């Protein structure tokens, strides 16, 4: 609780300090000059720099031309076959969906893994035998990272209604 109070107080202090310096809500004047000025970053600040054309097309966009629009009876029989689960598990690494979202899955998995390792280092862990091990780094300035369950608990009935027919 002490860490949260300090963080809350510091955020209000920073807002108060920067309040007089920020000018985000100033209305632009109508008498301002429309003359273009040069900067180091861009040659002309009135017209943004042109973007280069996209040359690298993702797998999902490239394979769009090969997708079929007609779902035949043979396709339905193959889809409902008893061995579809094994076939889909073996084809998971070469699927188009996996290729499209592979980077997002890698980033999410990496962040979750790093948070688990951090929590084990600063909060300790219990192994498979039930033995509790102390934290390697013990400090009041290194809190265990976690999310409150209330938002997920409150949102689950609405999500269930949204996903059901």
N, C-alpha and C. Protein backbone atom coordinates (compact mmCIF):
# COMPACT_ATOMS: atom_id res chain seq x y z
N UNK A 1 0.82 -1.19 0.00
CA UNK A 1 0.00 0.00 0.00
C UNK A 1 0.86 1.26 0.00
N UNK A 2 2.01 1.23 0.66
CA UNK A 2 2.87 2.40 0.72
C UNK A 2 3.41 2.79 -0.64
N UNK A 3 3.77 1.78 -1.44
CA UNK A 3 4.30 2.05 -2.78
C UNK A 3 3.24 2.69 -3.66
N UNK A 4 2.00 2.22 -3.56
CA UNK A 4 0.92 2.78 -4.37
C UNK A 4 0.63 4.23 -3.99
N UNK A 5 0.69 4.53 -2.70
CA UNK A 5 0.44 5.90 -2.26
C UNK A 5 1.54 6.84 -2.74
N UNK A 6 2.79 6.38 -2.67
CA UNK A 6 3.91 7.20 -3.15
C UNK A 6 3.78 7.45 -4.65
N UNK A 7 3.44 6.41 -5.40
CA UNK A 7 3.28 6.54 -6.84
C UNK A 7 2.14 7.51 -7.17
N UNK A 8 1.03 7.40 -6.44
CA UNK A 8 -0.11 8.27 -6.65
C UNK A 8 0.25 9.72 -6.35
N UNK A 9 0.97 9.96 -5.26
CA UNK A 9 1.37 11.31 -4.90
C UNK A 9 2.35 11.90 -5.91
N UNK A 10 3.31 11.09 -6.37
CA UNK A 10 4.28 11.57 -7.34
C UNK A 10 3.62 11.90 -8.68
N UNK A 11 2.61 11.14 -9.06
CA UNK A 11 1.95 11.45 -10.32
C UNK A 11 1.22 12.79 -10.24
N UNK A 12 0.60 13.08 -9.09
CA UNK A 12 -0.05 14.38 -8.95
C UNK A 12 0.95 15.52 -8.90
N UNK A 13 2.12 15.29 -8.29
CA UNK A 13 3.16 16.32 -8.26
C UNK A 13 3.65 16.61 -9.67
N UNK A 14 3.86 15.56 -10.47
CA UNK A 14 4.32 15.76 -11.84
C UNK A 14 3.28 16.47 -12.69
N UNK A 15 2.02 16.15 -12.49
CA UNK A 15 0.96 16.84 -13.23
C UNK A 15 0.92 18.31 -12.84
N UNK A 16 1.07 18.60 -11.55
CA UNK A 16 1.03 19.98 -11.09
C UNK A 16 2.22 20.78 -11.62
N UNK A 17 3.41 20.15 -11.65
CA UNK A 17 4.60 20.84 -12.13
C UNK A 17 4.50 21.14 -13.62
N UNK A 18 4.04 20.17 -14.40
CA UNK A 18 4.00 20.34 -15.85
C UNK A 18 2.76 21.06 -16.33
N UNK A 19 1.80 21.31 -15.45
CA UNK A 19 0.55 21.94 -15.85
C UNK A 19 0.78 23.34 -16.43
N UNK A 20 1.65 24.11 -15.84
CA UNK A 20 1.87 25.48 -16.29
C UNK A 20 2.72 25.53 -17.56
N UNK A 21 3.44 24.45 -17.86
CA UNK A 21 4.33 24.47 -19.02
C UNK A 21 3.68 23.91 -20.27
N UNK A 22 2.66 23.11 -20.14
CA UNK A 22 2.07 22.49 -21.33
C UNK A 22 1.11 23.44 -22.03
N UNK A 23 1.05 23.31 -23.33
CA UNK A 23 0.20 24.17 -24.14
C UNK A 23 -0.60 23.31 -25.12
N UNK A 24 -1.16 22.23 -24.67
CA UNK A 24 -1.85 21.31 -25.56
C UNK A 24 -3.24 21.79 -25.95
N UNK A 25 -3.84 22.65 -25.15
CA UNK A 25 -5.21 23.06 -25.42
C UNK A 25 -5.32 24.49 -25.93
N UNK A 26 -4.28 24.99 -26.55
CA UNK A 26 -4.31 26.34 -27.08
C UNK A 26 -4.95 26.32 -28.46
N UNK A 27 -5.90 27.20 -28.68
CA UNK A 27 -6.58 27.30 -29.97
C UNK A 27 -5.67 28.04 -30.94
N UNK A 28 -5.45 27.52 -32.15
CA UNK A 28 -4.58 28.22 -33.09
C UNK A 28 -5.21 29.55 -33.53
N UNK A 29 -4.36 30.55 -33.68
CA UNK A 29 -4.88 31.86 -34.07
C UNK A 29 -5.15 31.90 -35.56
N UNK A 30 -6.11 32.71 -35.94
CA UNK A 30 -6.46 32.83 -37.36
C UNK A 30 -5.50 33.74 -38.10
N UNK A 31 -4.72 34.53 -37.38
CA UNK A 31 -3.80 35.46 -38.03
C UNK A 31 -2.42 34.88 -38.22
N UNK A 32 -2.25 33.59 -37.90
CA UNK A 32 -0.93 33.01 -38.03
C UNK A 32 -0.55 32.89 -39.50
N UNK A 33 0.71 32.97 -39.76
CA UNK A 33 1.22 32.92 -41.12
C UNK A 33 1.22 31.48 -41.62
N UNK A 34 0.93 31.29 -42.89
CA UNK A 34 0.96 29.95 -43.47
C UNK A 34 2.28 29.71 -44.19
N UNK A 35 3.25 30.51 -43.91
CA UNK A 35 4.56 30.36 -44.54
C UNK A 35 5.23 29.09 -44.03
N UNK A 36 5.79 28.32 -44.95
CA UNK A 36 6.46 27.08 -44.58
C UNK A 36 7.81 27.39 -43.96
N UNK A 37 8.15 26.65 -42.93
CA UNK A 37 9.45 26.82 -42.31
C UNK A 37 10.26 25.55 -42.50
N UNK A 38 11.55 25.69 -42.56
CA UNK A 38 12.39 24.52 -42.75
C UNK A 38 12.94 24.07 -41.40
N UNK A 39 13.08 22.78 -41.27
CA UNK A 39 13.64 22.20 -40.05
C UNK A 39 14.71 21.22 -40.43
N UNK A 40 15.38 20.70 -39.43
CA UNK A 40 16.41 19.71 -39.69
C UNK A 40 15.78 18.37 -40.06
N UNK A 41 14.62 18.04 -39.43
CA UNK A 41 14.00 16.75 -39.65
C UNK A 41 13.32 16.66 -41.02
N UNK A 42 12.53 17.66 -41.38
CA UNK A 42 11.84 17.68 -42.65
C UNK A 42 12.21 18.96 -43.40
N UNK A 43 12.20 18.88 -44.73
CA UNK A 43 12.51 20.07 -45.51
C UNK A 43 11.40 21.09 -45.43
N UNK A 44 10.16 20.65 -45.40
CA UNK A 44 9.05 21.56 -45.43
C UNK A 44 8.01 21.07 -44.43
N UNK A 45 7.66 21.90 -43.45
CA UNK A 45 6.75 21.44 -42.41
C UNK A 45 5.29 21.57 -42.79
N UNK A 46 4.97 22.25 -43.89
CA UNK A 46 3.58 22.36 -44.32
C UNK A 46 3.15 21.06 -44.98
N UNK A 47 4.00 20.48 -45.80
CA UNK A 47 3.70 19.23 -46.48
C UNK A 47 4.56 18.13 -45.88
N UNK A 48 3.96 17.08 -45.34
CA UNK A 48 4.75 16.01 -44.73
C UNK A 48 5.55 15.27 -45.80
N UNK A 49 6.60 14.59 -45.40
CA UNK A 49 7.40 13.86 -46.38
C UNK A 49 6.59 12.70 -46.97
N UNK A 50 6.78 12.41 -48.23
CA UNK A 50 6.02 11.31 -48.85
C UNK A 50 6.51 9.97 -48.32
N UNK A 51 5.58 9.04 -48.18
CA UNK A 51 5.93 7.72 -47.72
C UNK A 51 6.32 6.86 -48.90
N UNK A 52 7.29 6.01 -48.67
CA UNK A 52 7.72 5.12 -49.75
C UNK A 52 6.64 4.06 -49.96
N UNK A 53 6.50 3.55 -51.18
CA UNK A 53 5.49 2.53 -51.42
C UNK A 53 5.83 1.23 -50.69
N UNK A 54 4.80 0.50 -50.31
CA UNK A 54 4.99 -0.75 -49.58
C UNK A 54 5.48 -1.80 -50.57
N UNK A 55 6.64 -2.36 -50.28
CA UNK A 55 7.19 -3.39 -51.16
C UNK A 55 7.12 -4.77 -50.52
N UNK A 56 7.06 -4.83 -49.20
CA UNK A 56 7.01 -6.11 -48.50
C UNK A 56 5.55 -6.43 -48.18
N UNK A 57 4.97 -7.40 -48.87
CA UNK A 57 3.58 -7.77 -48.67
C UNK A 57 3.55 -8.97 -47.74
N UNK A 58 2.67 -8.93 -46.74
CA UNK A 58 2.60 -10.01 -45.76
C UNK A 58 2.02 -11.27 -46.40
N UNK A 59 2.22 -12.37 -45.70
CA UNK A 59 1.74 -13.65 -46.21
C UNK A 59 0.23 -13.65 -46.36
N UNK A 60 -0.46 -13.04 -45.40
CA UNK A 60 -1.92 -13.03 -45.44
C UNK A 60 -2.46 -12.31 -46.65
N UNK A 61 -1.85 -11.18 -47.00
CA UNK A 61 -2.31 -10.44 -48.18
C UNK A 61 -1.91 -11.15 -49.47
N UNK A 62 -0.75 -11.79 -49.47
CA UNK A 62 -0.29 -12.48 -50.67
C UNK A 62 -1.13 -13.72 -50.96
N UNK A 63 -1.56 -14.42 -49.90
CA UNK A 63 -2.32 -15.66 -50.11
C UNK A 63 -3.81 -15.40 -50.33
N UNK A 64 -4.25 -14.15 -50.26
CA UNK A 64 -5.66 -13.83 -50.44
C UNK A 64 -6.17 -14.22 -51.83
N UNK A 65 -5.29 -14.21 -52.81
CA UNK A 65 -5.72 -14.55 -54.17
C UNK A 65 -6.03 -16.03 -54.32
N UNK A 66 -5.51 -16.88 -53.43
CA UNK A 66 -5.72 -18.32 -53.54
C UNK A 66 -6.89 -18.82 -52.68
N UNK A 67 -7.54 -17.95 -51.95
CA UNK A 67 -8.65 -18.38 -51.09
C UNK A 67 -9.89 -18.63 -51.93
N UNK A 68 -10.58 -19.68 -51.56
CA UNK A 68 -11.80 -20.02 -52.31
C UNK A 68 -13.01 -19.35 -51.66
N UNK A 69 -14.01 -19.12 -52.46
CA UNK A 69 -15.23 -18.50 -51.95
C UNK A 69 -16.38 -19.51 -51.88
N UNK A 70 -16.19 -20.69 -52.46
CA UNK A 70 -17.23 -21.71 -52.48
C UNK A 70 -16.82 -22.85 -51.55
N UNK A 71 -17.72 -23.22 -50.64
CA UNK A 71 -17.48 -24.31 -49.70
C UNK A 71 -18.33 -25.49 -50.15
N UNK A 72 -17.69 -26.51 -50.71
CA UNK A 72 -18.41 -27.64 -51.31
C UNK A 72 -18.72 -28.71 -50.27
N UNK A 73 -19.47 -29.72 -50.71
CA UNK A 73 -19.82 -30.84 -49.83
C UNK A 73 -18.57 -31.61 -49.41
N UNK A 74 -17.63 -31.80 -50.34
CA UNK A 74 -16.40 -32.52 -50.00
C UNK A 74 -15.60 -31.76 -48.94
N UNK A 75 -15.60 -30.44 -49.04
CA UNK A 75 -14.92 -29.63 -48.01
C UNK A 75 -15.61 -29.80 -46.66
N UNK A 76 -16.92 -29.88 -46.65
CA UNK A 76 -17.66 -30.06 -45.41
C UNK A 76 -17.38 -31.44 -44.79
N UNK A 77 -17.31 -32.48 -45.62
CA UNK A 77 -17.00 -33.82 -45.13
C UNK A 77 -15.59 -33.85 -44.54
N UNK A 78 -14.65 -33.19 -45.19
CA UNK A 78 -13.28 -33.13 -44.67
C UNK A 78 -13.23 -32.35 -43.36
N UNK A 79 -14.02 -31.29 -43.28
CA UNK A 79 -14.06 -30.48 -42.07
C UNK A 79 -14.64 -31.25 -40.89
N UNK A 80 -15.62 -32.10 -41.12
CA UNK A 80 -16.29 -32.85 -40.05
C UNK A 80 -15.66 -34.21 -39.79
N UNK A 81 -14.55 -34.55 -40.41
CA UNK A 81 -13.96 -35.87 -40.24
C UNK A 81 -13.43 -36.04 -38.81
N UNK A 82 -13.40 -37.30 -38.31
CA UNK A 82 -12.96 -37.53 -36.93
C UNK A 82 -11.48 -37.22 -36.69
N UNK A 83 -10.67 -37.29 -37.72
CA UNK A 83 -9.23 -37.03 -37.53
C UNK A 83 -8.87 -35.57 -37.79
N UNK A 84 -9.85 -34.66 -37.78
CA UNK A 84 -9.57 -33.26 -38.08
C UNK A 84 -8.70 -32.62 -37.01
N UNK A 85 -8.83 -33.06 -35.75
CA UNK A 85 -8.04 -32.44 -34.69
C UNK A 85 -6.55 -32.72 -34.87
N UNK A 86 -6.22 -33.97 -35.17
CA UNK A 86 -4.81 -34.32 -35.40
C UNK A 86 -4.29 -33.61 -36.64
N UNK A 87 -5.10 -33.54 -37.71
CA UNK A 87 -4.68 -32.87 -38.93
C UNK A 87 -4.45 -31.38 -38.69
N UNK A 88 -5.33 -30.75 -37.90
CA UNK A 88 -5.17 -29.33 -37.63
C UNK A 88 -4.00 -29.05 -36.70
N UNK A 89 -3.72 -29.95 -35.75
CA UNK A 89 -2.56 -29.76 -34.87
C UNK A 89 -1.25 -29.89 -35.64
N UNK A 90 -1.18 -30.83 -36.56
CA UNK A 90 0.06 -30.98 -37.33
C UNK A 90 0.25 -29.85 -38.33
N UNK A 91 -0.84 -29.23 -38.78
CA UNK A 91 -0.74 -28.15 -39.76
C UNK A 91 -0.68 -26.77 -39.11
N UNK A 92 -0.58 -26.71 -37.77
CA UNK A 92 -0.64 -25.42 -37.10
C UNK A 92 0.54 -24.53 -37.46
N UNK A 93 1.72 -25.07 -37.57
CA UNK A 93 2.90 -24.23 -37.82
C UNK A 93 2.98 -23.73 -39.25
N UNK A 94 2.24 -24.33 -40.16
CA UNK A 94 2.27 -23.87 -41.55
C UNK A 94 0.98 -23.16 -41.94
N UNK A 95 0.10 -22.91 -40.98
CA UNK A 95 -1.18 -22.28 -41.31
C UNK A 95 -0.99 -20.79 -41.58
N UNK A 96 -1.87 -20.24 -42.38
CA UNK A 96 -1.81 -18.82 -42.72
C UNK A 96 -2.10 -17.93 -41.52
N UNK A 97 -3.01 -18.37 -40.66
CA UNK A 97 -3.34 -17.58 -39.48
C UNK A 97 -2.12 -17.48 -38.56
N UNK A 98 -1.44 -18.60 -38.36
CA UNK A 98 -0.25 -18.60 -37.51
C UNK A 98 0.85 -17.73 -38.10
N UNK A 99 1.00 -17.77 -39.41
CA UNK A 99 2.02 -16.94 -40.05
C UNK A 99 1.68 -15.46 -39.91
N UNK A 100 0.39 -15.12 -39.95
CA UNK A 100 -0.01 -13.72 -39.84
C UNK A 100 0.18 -13.16 -38.44
N UNK A 101 -0.11 -13.94 -37.41
CA UNK A 101 -0.04 -13.43 -36.04
C UNK A 101 1.14 -13.99 -35.27
N UNK A 102 2.11 -14.54 -35.96
CA UNK A 102 3.28 -15.12 -35.29
C UNK A 102 4.07 -14.11 -34.47
N UNK A 103 4.26 -12.89 -34.99
CA UNK A 103 5.01 -11.88 -34.25
C UNK A 103 4.28 -11.44 -32.99
N UNK A 104 2.96 -11.30 -33.07
CA UNK A 104 2.18 -10.91 -31.90
C UNK A 104 2.21 -12.00 -30.83
N UNK A 105 2.13 -13.26 -31.26
CA UNK A 105 2.20 -14.37 -30.31
C UNK A 105 3.57 -14.42 -29.66
N UNK A 106 4.62 -14.22 -30.44
CA UNK A 106 5.98 -14.22 -29.89
C UNK A 106 6.17 -13.10 -28.88
N UNK A 107 5.67 -11.90 -29.18
CA UNK A 107 5.81 -10.77 -28.26
C UNK A 107 5.03 -11.01 -26.97
N UNK A 108 3.79 -11.49 -27.07
CA UNK A 108 2.98 -11.75 -25.89
C UNK A 108 3.58 -12.84 -25.03
N UNK A 109 4.04 -13.91 -25.65
CA UNK A 109 4.65 -15.01 -24.91
C UNK A 109 5.95 -14.57 -24.24
N UNK A 110 6.75 -13.78 -24.93
CA UNK A 110 8.00 -13.30 -24.35
C UNK A 110 7.76 -12.41 -23.15
N UNK A 111 6.80 -11.50 -23.25
CA UNK A 111 6.50 -10.61 -22.12
C UNK A 111 5.98 -11.42 -20.94
N UNK A 112 5.09 -12.38 -21.19
CA UNK A 112 4.56 -13.22 -20.10
C UNK A 112 5.68 -14.03 -19.46
N UNK A 113 6.59 -14.56 -20.25
CA UNK A 113 7.72 -15.33 -19.72
C UNK A 113 8.62 -14.46 -18.86
N UNK A 114 8.93 -13.25 -19.33
CA UNK A 114 9.79 -12.35 -18.56
C UNK A 114 9.14 -11.92 -17.24
N UNK A 115 7.82 -11.71 -17.25
CA UNK A 115 7.12 -11.35 -16.02
C UNK A 115 7.15 -12.52 -15.04
N UNK A 116 6.99 -13.75 -15.53
CA UNK A 116 7.05 -14.92 -14.65
C UNK A 116 8.44 -15.09 -14.05
N UNK A 117 9.47 -14.91 -14.85
CA UNK A 117 10.84 -15.01 -14.33
C UNK A 117 11.10 -13.91 -13.30
N UNK A 118 10.67 -12.68 -13.59
CA UNK A 118 10.84 -11.57 -12.64
C UNK A 118 10.11 -11.86 -11.33
N UNK A 119 8.86 -12.33 -11.41
CA UNK A 119 8.10 -12.62 -10.19
C UNK A 119 8.74 -13.75 -9.38
N UNK A 120 9.33 -14.73 -10.06
CA UNK A 120 10.02 -15.79 -9.33
C UNK A 120 11.28 -15.27 -8.66
N UNK A 121 11.97 -14.31 -9.28
CA UNK A 121 13.19 -13.78 -8.69
C UNK A 121 12.91 -12.87 -7.50
N UNK A 122 11.86 -12.06 -7.56
CA UNK A 122 11.60 -11.10 -6.48
C UNK A 122 10.53 -11.57 -5.50
N UNK A 123 9.76 -12.59 -5.84
CA UNK A 123 8.69 -13.02 -4.95
C UNK A 123 8.82 -14.45 -4.46
N UNK A 124 9.80 -15.16 -4.96
CA UNK A 124 9.94 -16.55 -4.59
C UNK A 124 8.99 -17.42 -5.41
N UNK A 125 9.12 -18.74 -5.22
CA UNK A 125 8.28 -19.65 -5.97
C UNK A 125 8.15 -20.97 -5.22
N UNK A 126 7.16 -21.74 -5.60
CA UNK A 126 6.93 -23.07 -5.06
C UNK A 126 7.17 -24.06 -6.18
N UNK A 127 8.07 -25.04 -5.95
CA UNK A 127 8.37 -25.99 -7.01
C UNK A 127 7.31 -27.09 -7.06
N UNK A 128 7.50 -28.07 -7.95
CA UNK A 128 6.51 -29.12 -8.15
C UNK A 128 6.39 -30.05 -6.96
N UNK A 129 7.40 -30.09 -6.10
CA UNK A 129 7.34 -30.92 -4.91
C UNK A 129 6.61 -30.25 -3.76
N UNK A 130 6.25 -28.99 -3.92
CA UNK A 130 5.56 -28.25 -2.88
C UNK A 130 6.49 -27.50 -1.95
N UNK A 131 7.76 -27.46 -2.28
CA UNK A 131 8.75 -26.76 -1.46
C UNK A 131 8.76 -25.29 -1.88
N UNK A 132 8.62 -24.40 -0.90
CA UNK A 132 8.63 -22.97 -1.18
C UNK A 132 10.06 -22.45 -1.09
N UNK A 133 10.47 -21.72 -2.12
CA UNK A 133 11.82 -21.15 -2.17
C UNK A 133 11.72 -19.65 -1.98
N UNK A 134 12.66 -19.10 -1.26
CA UNK A 134 12.69 -17.66 -1.00
C UNK A 134 13.09 -16.91 -2.27
N UNK A 135 12.77 -15.63 -2.28
CA UNK A 135 13.12 -14.77 -3.41
C UNK A 135 14.62 -14.53 -3.42
N UNK A 136 15.19 -14.46 -4.60
CA UNK A 136 16.63 -14.19 -4.74
C UNK A 136 16.91 -12.71 -4.46
N UNK A 137 16.07 -11.85 -5.01
CA UNK A 137 16.20 -10.40 -4.78
C UNK A 137 15.06 -9.96 -3.87
N UNK A 138 15.40 -9.59 -2.64
CA UNK A 138 14.38 -9.16 -1.69
C UNK A 138 14.55 -7.68 -1.41
N UNK A 139 13.58 -6.89 -1.84
CA UNK A 139 13.62 -5.45 -1.63
C UNK A 139 12.20 -4.92 -1.66
N UNK A 140 11.97 -3.84 -0.91
CA UNK A 140 10.64 -3.23 -0.94
C UNK A 140 10.43 -2.45 -2.23
N UNK A 141 11.51 -2.18 -2.95
CA UNK A 141 11.42 -1.42 -4.21
C UNK A 141 11.22 -2.32 -5.42
N UNK A 142 11.21 -3.63 -5.23
CA UNK A 142 10.97 -4.58 -6.32
C UNK A 142 9.69 -5.35 -6.01
N UNK A 143 8.53 -4.80 -6.38
CA UNK A 143 7.27 -5.49 -6.07
C UNK A 143 7.00 -6.62 -7.07
N UNK A 144 6.18 -7.55 -6.65
CA UNK A 144 5.74 -8.61 -7.54
C UNK A 144 4.69 -8.02 -8.48
N UNK A 145 4.80 -8.32 -9.76
CA UNK A 145 3.89 -7.77 -10.77
C UNK A 145 2.67 -8.68 -10.88
N UNK A 146 1.49 -8.08 -10.87
CA UNK A 146 0.26 -8.85 -11.02
C UNK A 146 -0.87 -7.97 -11.46
N UNK A 147 -1.93 -8.59 -11.94
CA UNK A 147 -3.12 -7.86 -12.37
C UNK A 147 -4.26 -8.17 -11.41
N UNK A 148 -5.12 -7.20 -11.14
CA UNK A 148 -6.29 -7.50 -10.31
C UNK A 148 -7.29 -8.35 -11.09
N UNK A 149 -8.00 -9.21 -10.40
CA UNK A 149 -8.94 -10.10 -11.06
C UNK A 149 -10.30 -9.45 -11.28
N UNK A 150 -10.58 -8.35 -10.63
CA UNK A 150 -11.91 -7.73 -10.71
C UNK A 150 -12.32 -7.36 -12.14
N UNK A 151 -11.46 -6.72 -12.95
CA UNK A 151 -11.91 -6.39 -14.31
C UNK A 151 -12.26 -7.62 -15.15
N UNK A 152 -11.51 -8.70 -14.96
CA UNK A 152 -11.78 -9.91 -15.73
C UNK A 152 -13.05 -10.59 -15.23
N UNK A 153 -13.27 -10.55 -13.93
CA UNK A 153 -14.46 -11.16 -13.36
C UNK A 153 -15.71 -10.38 -13.75
N UNK A 154 -15.61 -9.06 -13.75
CA UNK A 154 -16.76 -8.24 -14.10
C UNK A 154 -17.08 -8.30 -15.59
N UNK A 155 -16.06 -8.48 -16.42
CA UNK A 155 -16.27 -8.47 -17.87
C UNK A 155 -16.67 -9.83 -18.42
N UNK A 156 -16.48 -10.91 -17.67
CA UNK A 156 -16.73 -12.24 -18.22
C UNK A 156 -18.20 -12.50 -18.55
N UNK A 157 -19.20 -12.09 -17.73
CA UNK A 157 -20.59 -12.33 -18.17
C UNK A 157 -20.95 -11.58 -19.45
N UNK A 158 -20.48 -10.34 -19.57
CA UNK A 158 -20.77 -9.57 -20.78
C UNK A 158 -20.10 -10.18 -21.99
N UNK A 159 -18.87 -10.64 -21.81
CA UNK A 159 -18.17 -11.28 -22.91
C UNK A 159 -18.85 -12.58 -23.31
N UNK A 160 -19.34 -13.33 -22.33
CA UNK A 160 -20.07 -14.56 -22.62
C UNK A 160 -21.34 -14.30 -23.40
N UNK A 161 -22.07 -13.23 -23.04
CA UNK A 161 -23.27 -12.89 -23.79
C UNK A 161 -22.93 -12.40 -25.20
N UNK A 162 -21.81 -11.71 -25.31
CA UNK A 162 -21.41 -11.19 -26.61
C UNK A 162 -21.00 -12.32 -27.55
N UNK A 163 -20.34 -13.34 -27.02
CA UNK A 163 -19.83 -14.44 -27.86
C UNK A 163 -20.88 -15.51 -28.15
N UNK A 164 -21.92 -15.58 -27.35
CA UNK A 164 -22.94 -16.60 -27.58
C UNK A 164 -24.00 -16.08 -28.56
N UNK A 165 -24.74 -16.99 -29.12
CA UNK A 165 -25.78 -16.59 -30.09
C UNK A 165 -27.02 -16.15 -29.38
